[in-house]
Amino acid sequence: MPKKKTNKAAAKRIKKTARGKYKYMRAGRGHLLSSKSRKRKRHLRRGGILSKAESLRAKELLAS
């Protein structure tokens, strides 16, 4: 049986934490920032943690 390949697109966007959770950076910070409020941009700076269901999908994508 062949080895599973890592999905490189997902690997660049999702990182596994020391406790086994998966973190990501939020979208929407690339451009058109002048129309977004200061509060919205501040909250976008913080990363997010994937939910349990999404973590299972990420685990499959990052299986190497």
PDB file of N, CA and C in Angstrom:
ATOM      1  N   MET A   1       0.842  -1.185   0.000  1.00  0.00           N
ATOM      2  CA  MET A   1       0.000   0.000   0.000  1.00  0.00           C
ATOM      3  C   MET A   1       0.885   1.246   0.000  1.00  0.00           C
ATOM      4  N   PRO A   2       0.626   2.206  -0.887  1.00  0.00           N
ATOM      5  CA  PRO A   2       1.470   3.397  -0.952  1.00  0.00           C
ATOM      6  C   PRO A   2       1.261   4.319   0.251  1.00  0.00           C
ATOM      7  N   LYS A   3       2.272   5.133   0.502  1.00  0.00           N
ATOM      8  CA  LYS A   3       2.178   6.100   1.598  1.00  0.00           C
ATOM      9  C   LYS A   3       1.196   7.206   1.223  1.00  0.00           C
ATOM     10  N   LYS A   4       0.634   7.854   2.258  1.00  0.00           N
ATOM     11  CA  LYS A   4      -0.243   8.994   2.020  1.00  0.00           C
ATOM     12  C   LYS A   4       0.613  10.229   1.814  1.00  0.00           C
ATOM     13  N   LYS A   5       0.198  11.093   0.903  1.00  0.00           N
ATOM     14  CA  LYS A   5       0.926  12.328   0.654  1.00  0.00           C
ATOM     15  C   LYS A   5       0.320  13.471   1.461  1.00  0.00           C
ATOM     16  N   THR A   6       1.185  14.362   1.894  1.00  0.00           N
ATOM     17  CA  THR A   6       0.732  15.571   2.570  1.00  0.00           C
ATOM     18  C   THR A   6       0.155  16.536   1.547  1.00  0.00           C
ATOM     19  N   ASN A   7      -0.986  17.125   1.864  1.00  0.00           N
ATOM     20  CA  ASN A   7      -1.561  18.155   1.014  1.00  0.00           C
ATOM     21  C   ASN A   7      -0.802  19.443   1.308  1.00  0.00           C
ATOM     22  N   LYS A   8       0.033  19.885   0.358  1.00  0.00           N
ATOM     23  CA  LYS A   8       0.919  21.019   0.586  1.00  0.00           C
ATOM     24  C   LYS A   8       0.165  22.328   0.771  1.00  0.00           C
ATOM     25  N   ALA A   9      -0.975  22.480   0.113  1.00  0.00           N
ATOM     26  CA  ALA A   9      -1.774  23.700   0.287  1.00  0.00           C
ATOM     27  C   ALA A   9      -2.249  23.808   1.728  1.00  0.00           C
ATOM     28  N   ALA A  10      -2.688  22.686   2.300  1.00  0.00           N
ATOM     29  CA  ALA A  10      -3.153  22.680   3.685  1.00  0.00           C
ATOM     30  C   ALA A  10      -1.985  22.850   4.651  1.00  0.00           C
ATOM     31  N   ALA A  11      -0.841  22.253   4.326  1.00  0.00           N
ATOM     32  CA  ALA A  11       0.320  22.318   5.209  1.00  0.00           C
ATOM     33  C   ALA A  11       0.822  23.746   5.370  1.00  0.00           C
ATOM     34  N   LYS A  12       0.636  24.581   4.339  1.00  0.00           N
ATOM     35  CA  LYS A  12       1.071  25.972   4.423  1.00  0.00           C
ATOM     36  C   LYS A  12       0.107  26.816   5.247  1.00  0.00           C
ATOM     37  N   ARG A  13      -1.105  26.346   5.445  1.00  0.00           N
ATOM     38  CA  ARG A  13      -2.133  27.131   6.124  1.00  0.00           C
ATOM     39  C   ARG A  13      -2.463  26.658   7.521  1.00  0.00           C
ATOM     40  N   ILE A  14      -2.220  25.385   7.815  1.00  0.00           N
ATOM     41  CA  ILE A  14      -2.617  24.791   9.092  1.00  0.00           C
ATOM     42  C   ILE A  14      -1.383  24.232   9.784  1.00  0.00           C
ATOM     43  N   LYS A  15      -1.262  24.528  11.090  1.00  0.00           N
ATOM     44  CA  LYS A  15      -0.158  23.991  11.880  1.00  0.00           C
ATOM     45  C   LYS A  15      -0.733  23.222  13.060  1.00  0.00           C
ATOM     46  N   LYS A  16      -0.035  22.170  13.447  1.00  0.00           N
ATOM     47  CA  LYS A  16      -0.463  21.375  14.597  1.00  0.00           C
ATOM     48  C   LYS A  16       0.221  21.925  15.845  1.00  0.00           C
ATOM     49  N   THR A  17      -0.546  22.114  16.919  1.00  0.00           N
ATOM     50  CA  THR A  17       0.013  22.631  18.158  1.00  0.00           C
ATOM     51  C   THR A  17       0.598  21.483  18.968  1.00  0.00           C
ATOM     52  N   ALA A  18       1.280  21.831  20.050  1.00  0.00           N
ATOM     53  CA  ALA A  18       1.917  20.832  20.910  1.00  0.00           C
ATOM     54  C   ALA A  18       0.880  19.923  21.572  1.00  0.00           C
ATOM     55  N   ARG A  19      -0.310  20.444  21.799  1.00  0.00           N
ATOM     56  CA  ARG A  19      -1.356  19.652  22.454  1.00  0.00           C
ATOM     57  C   ARG A  19      -2.240  18.900  21.468  1.00  0.00           C
ATOM     58  N   GLY A  20      -1.886  18.975  20.175  1.00  0.00           N
ATOM     59  CA  GLY A  20      -2.612  18.187  19.187  1.00  0.00           C
ATOM     60  C   GLY A  20      -3.753  18.898  18.493  1.00  0.00           C
ATOM     61  N   LYS A  21      -3.951  20.172  18.810  1.00  0.00           N
ATOM     62  CA  LYS A  21      -4.997  20.932  18.116  1.00  0.00           C
ATOM     63  C   LYS A  21      -4.415  21.498  16.835  1.00  0.00           C
ATOM     64  N   TYR A  22      -5.293  22.010  15.965  1.00  0.00           N
ATOM     65  CA  TYR A  22      -4.851  22.581  14.698  1.00  0.00           C
ATOM     66  C   TYR A  22      -5.199  24.054  14.672  1.00  0.00           C
ATOM     67  N   LYS A  23      -4.202  24.904  14.393  1.00  0.00           N
ATOM     68  CA  LYS A  23      -4.424  26.340  14.362  1.00  0.00           C
ATOM     69  C   LYS A  23      -4.233  26.865  12.948  1.00  0.00           C
ATOM     70  N   TYR A  24      -4.841  28.018  12.677  1.00  0.00           N
ATOM     71  CA  TYR A  24      -4.768  28.636  11.360  1.00  0.00           C
ATOM     72  C   TYR A  24      -4.866  30.137  11.534  1.00  0.00           C
ATOM     73  N   MET A  25      -4.453  30.862  10.507  1.00  0.00           N
ATOM     74  CA  MET A  25      -4.606  32.315  10.517  1.00  0.00           C
ATOM     75  C   MET A  25      -5.873  32.668   9.743  1.00  0.00           C
ATOM     76  N   ARG A  26      -6.578  33.647  10.236  1.00  0.00           N
ATOM     77  CA  ARG A  26      -7.858  34.015   9.624  1.00  0.00           C
ATOM     78  C   ARG A  26      -7.668  34.734   8.285  1.00  0.00           C
ATOM     79  N   ALA A  27      -8.610  34.571   7.417  1.00  0.00           N
ATOM     80  CA  ALA A  27      -8.561  35.213   6.099  1.00  0.00           C
ATOM     81  C   ALA A  27      -9.068  36.650   6.206  1.00  0.00           C
ATOM     82  N   GLY A  28      -8.712  37.475   5.214  1.00  0.00           N
ATOM     83  CA  GLY A  28      -9.261  38.825   5.140  1.00  0.00           C
ATOM     84  C   GLY A  28      -8.285  39.905   5.499  1.00  0.00           C
ATOM     85  N   ARG A  29      -6.990  39.579   5.626  1.00  0.00           N
ATOM     86  CA  ARG A  29      -6.003  40.587   5.987  1.00  0.00           C
ATOM     87  C   ARG A  29      -5.090  40.948   4.814  1.00  0.00           C
ATOM     88  N   GLY A  30      -5.442  40.499   3.617  1.00  0.00           N
ATOM     89  CA  GLY A  30      -4.557  40.689   2.484  1.00  0.00           C
ATOM     90  C   GLY A  30      -4.621  42.065   1.854  1.00  0.00           C
ATOM     91  N   HIS A  31      -5.817  42.583   1.635  1.00  0.00           N
ATOM     92  CA  HIS A  31      -5.958  43.865   0.938  1.00  0.00           C
ATOM     93  C   HIS A  31      -7.315  44.459   1.286  1.00  0.00           C
ATOM     94  N   LEU A  32      -7.581  45.658   0.759  1.00  0.00           N
ATOM     95  CA  LEU A  32      -8.821  46.408   1.037  1.00  0.00           C
ATOM     96  C   LEU A  32      -9.019  46.639   2.538  1.00  0.00           C
ATOM     97  N   LEU A  33      -7.927  46.988   3.225  1.00  0.00           N
ATOM     98  CA  LEU A  33      -7.991  47.127   4.683  1.00  0.00           C
ATOM     99  C   LEU A  33      -8.581  48.463   5.124  1.00  0.00           C
ATOM    100  N   SER A  34      -8.589  49.444   4.238  1.00  0.00           N
ATOM    101  CA  SER A  34      -9.089  50.759   4.643  1.00  0.00           C
ATOM    102  C   SER A  34     -10.591  50.749   4.893  1.00  0.00           C
ATOM    103  N   SER A  35     -11.299  49.847   4.256  1.00  0.00           N
ATOM    104  CA  SER A  35     -12.753  49.793   4.438  1.00  0.00           C
ATOM    105  C   SER A  35     -13.154  48.960   5.644  1.00  0.00           C
ATOM    106  N   LYS A  36     -12.209  48.261   6.243  1.00  0.00           N
ATOM    107  CA  LYS A  36     -12.513  47.419   7.408  1.00  0.00           C
ATOM    108  C   LYS A  36     -12.232  48.198   8.678  1.00  0.00           C
ATOM    109  N   SER A  37     -13.032  47.961   9.695  1.00  0.00           N
ATOM    110  CA  SER A  37     -12.877  48.704  10.943  1.00  0.00           C
ATOM    111  C   SER A  37     -11.617  48.258  11.685  1.00  0.00           C
ATOM    112  N   ARG A  38     -11.160  49.108  12.584  1.00  0.00           N
ATOM    113  CA  ARG A  38      -9.970  48.798  13.372  1.00  0.00           C
ATOM    114  C   ARG A  38     -10.205  47.542  14.216  1.00  0.00           C
ATOM    115  N   LYS A  39     -11.390  47.435  14.774  1.00  0.00           N
ATOM    116  CA  LYS A  39     -11.728  46.276  15.602  1.00  0.00           C
ATOM    117  C   LYS A  39     -11.700  44.987  14.784  1.00  0.00           C
ATOM    118  N   ARG A  40     -12.242  45.056  13.577  1.00  0.00           N
ATOM    119  CA  ARG A  40     -12.284  43.878  12.703  1.00  0.00           C
ATOM    120  C   ARG A  40     -10.880  43.420  12.330  1.00  0.00           C
ATOM    121  N   LYS A  41     -10.009  44.377  12.002  1.00  0.00           N
ATOM    122  CA  LYS A  41      -8.628  44.042  11.637  1.00  0.00           C
ATOM    123  C   LYS A  41      -7.869  43.479  12.837  1.00  0.00           C
ATOM    124  N   ARG A  42      -8.142  44.011  14.016  1.00  0.00           N
ATOM    125  CA  ARG A  42      -7.484  43.531  15.237  1.00  0.00           C
ATOM    126  C   ARG A  42      -7.867  42.085  15.525  1.00  0.00           C
ATOM    127  N   HIS A  43      -9.124  41.762  15.337  1.00  0.00           N
ATOM    128  CA  HIS A  43      -9.579  40.389  15.580  1.00  0.00           C
ATOM    129  C   HIS A  43      -9.065  39.417  14.522  1.00  0.00           C
ATOM    130  N   LEU A  44      -8.845  39.914  13.310  1.00  0.00           N
ATOM    131  CA  LEU A  44      -8.308  39.063  12.254  1.00  0.00           C
ATOM    132  C   LEU A  44      -6.844  38.711  12.493  1.00  0.00           C
ATOM    133  N   ARG A  45      -6.154  39.530  13.310  1.00  0.00           N
ATOM    134  CA  ARG A  45      -4.752  39.256  13.617  1.00  0.00           C
ATOM    135  C   ARG A  45      -4.591  37.955  14.383  1.00  0.00           C
ATOM    136  N   ARG A  46      -5.543  37.662  15.244  1.00  0.00           N
ATOM    137  CA  ARG A  46      -5.454  36.462  16.067  1.00  0.00           C
ATOM    138  C   ARG A  46      -5.810  35.236  15.236  1.00  0.00           C
ATOM    139  N   GLY A  47      -5.100  34.165  15.468  1.00  0.00           N
ATOM    140  CA  GLY A  47      -5.384  32.918  14.764  1.00  0.00           C
ATOM    141  C   GLY A  47      -6.616  32.240  15.329  1.00  0.00           C
ATOM    142  N   GLY A  48      -6.994  31.158  14.717  1.00  0.00           N
ATOM    143  CA  GLY A  48      -8.136  30.399  15.177  1.00  0.00           C
ATOM    144  C   GLY A  48      -7.760  28.948  15.397  1.00  0.00           C
ATOM    145  N   ILE A  49      -8.593  28.239  16.131  1.00  0.00           N
ATOM    146  CA  ILE A  49      -8.410  26.813  16.367  1.00  0.00           C
ATOM    147  C   ILE A  49      -9.527  26.086  15.630  1.00  0.00           C
ATOM    148  N   LEU A  50      -9.161  25.060  14.874  1.00  0.00           N
ATOM    149  CA  LEU A  50     -10.173  24.307  14.131  1.00  0.00           C
ATOM    150  C   LEU A  50     -11.073  23.528  15.080  1.00  0.00           C
ATOM    151  N   SER A  51     -12.328  23.362  14.687  1.00  0.00           N
ATOM    152  CA  SER A  51     -13.274  22.582  15.478  1.00  0.00           C
ATOM    153  C   SER A  51     -12.914  21.103  15.403  1.00  0.00           C
ATOM    154  N   LYS A  52     -13.575  20.301  16.196  1.00  0.00           N
ATOM    155  CA  LYS A  52     -13.310  18.864  16.234  1.00  0.00           C
ATOM    156  C   LYS A  52     -13.516  18.226  14.861  1.00  0.00           C
ATOM    157  N   ALA A  53     -14.616  18.573  14.197  1.00  0.00           N
ATOM    158  CA  ALA A  53     -14.919  17.997  12.888  1.00  0.00           C
ATOM    159  C   ALA A  53     -13.882  18.425  11.846  1.00  0.00           C
ATOM    160  N   GLU A  54     -13.511  19.703  11.856  1.00  0.00           N
ATOM    161  CA  GLU A  54     -12.524  20.197  10.907  1.00  0.00           C
ATOM    162  C   GLU A  54     -11.139  19.631  11.207  1.00  0.00           C
ATOM    163  N   SER A  55     -10.858  19.377  12.485  1.00  0.00           N
ATOM    164  CA  SER A  55      -9.563  18.812  12.862  1.00  0.00           C
ATOM    165  C   SER A  55      -9.368  17.429  12.270  1.00  0.00           C
ATOM    166  N   LEU A  56     -10.441  16.662  12.202  1.00  0.00           N
ATOM    167  CA  LEU A  56     -10.349  15.324  11.613  1.00  0.00           C
ATOM    168  C   LEU A  56     -10.027  15.415  10.125  1.00  0.00           C
ATOM    169  N   ARG A  57     -10.610  16.406   9.444  1.00  0.00           N
ATOM    170  CA  ARG A  57     -10.303  16.617   8.023  1.00  0.00           C
ATOM    171  C   ARG A  57      -8.869  17.085   7.847  1.00  0.00           C
ATOM    172  N   ALA A  58      -8.413  17.969   8.735  1.00  0.00           N
ATOM    173  CA  ALA A  58      -7.046  18.482   8.648  1.00  0.00           C
ATOM    174  C   ALA A  58      -6.040  17.368   8.903  1.00  0.00           C
ATOM    175  N   LYS A  59      -6.373  16.480   9.804  1.00  0.00           N
ATOM    176  CA  LYS A  59      -5.474  15.350  10.115  1.00  0.00           C
ATOM    177  C   LYS A  59      -5.260  14.486   8.880  1.00  0.00           C
ATOM    178  N   GLU A  60      -6.310  14.271   8.105  1.00  0.00           N
ATOM    179  CA  GLU A  60      -6.205  13.502   6.873  1.00  0.00           C
ATOM    180  C   GLU A  60      -5.334  14.224   5.842  1.00  0.00           C
ATOM    181  N   LEU A  61      -5.525  15.540   5.737  1.00  0.00           N
ATOM    182  CA  LEU A  61      -4.775  16.320   4.758  1.00  0.00           C
ATOM    183  C   LEU A  61      -3.292  16.394   5.101  1.00  0.00           C
ATOM    184  N   LEU A  62      -2.990  16.440   6.393  1.00  0.00           N
ATOM    185  CA  LEU A  62      -1.603  16.607   6.832  1.00  0.00           C
ATOM    186  C   LEU A  62      -0.921  15.273   7.109  1.00  0.00           C
ATOM    187  N   ALA A  63      -1.608  14.162   6.867  1.00  0.00           N
ATOM    188  CA  ALA A  63      -0.994  12.846   7.085  1.00  0.00           C
ATOM    189  C   ALA A  63       0.176  12.677   6.122  1.00  0.00           C
ATOM    190  N   SER A  64       1.346  12.447   6.695  1.00  0.00           N
ATOM    191  CA  SER A  64       2.522  12.308   5.845  1.00  0.00           C
ATOM    192  C   SER A  64       3.241  10.999   6.100  1.00  0.00           C
TER     193      SER A  64
END
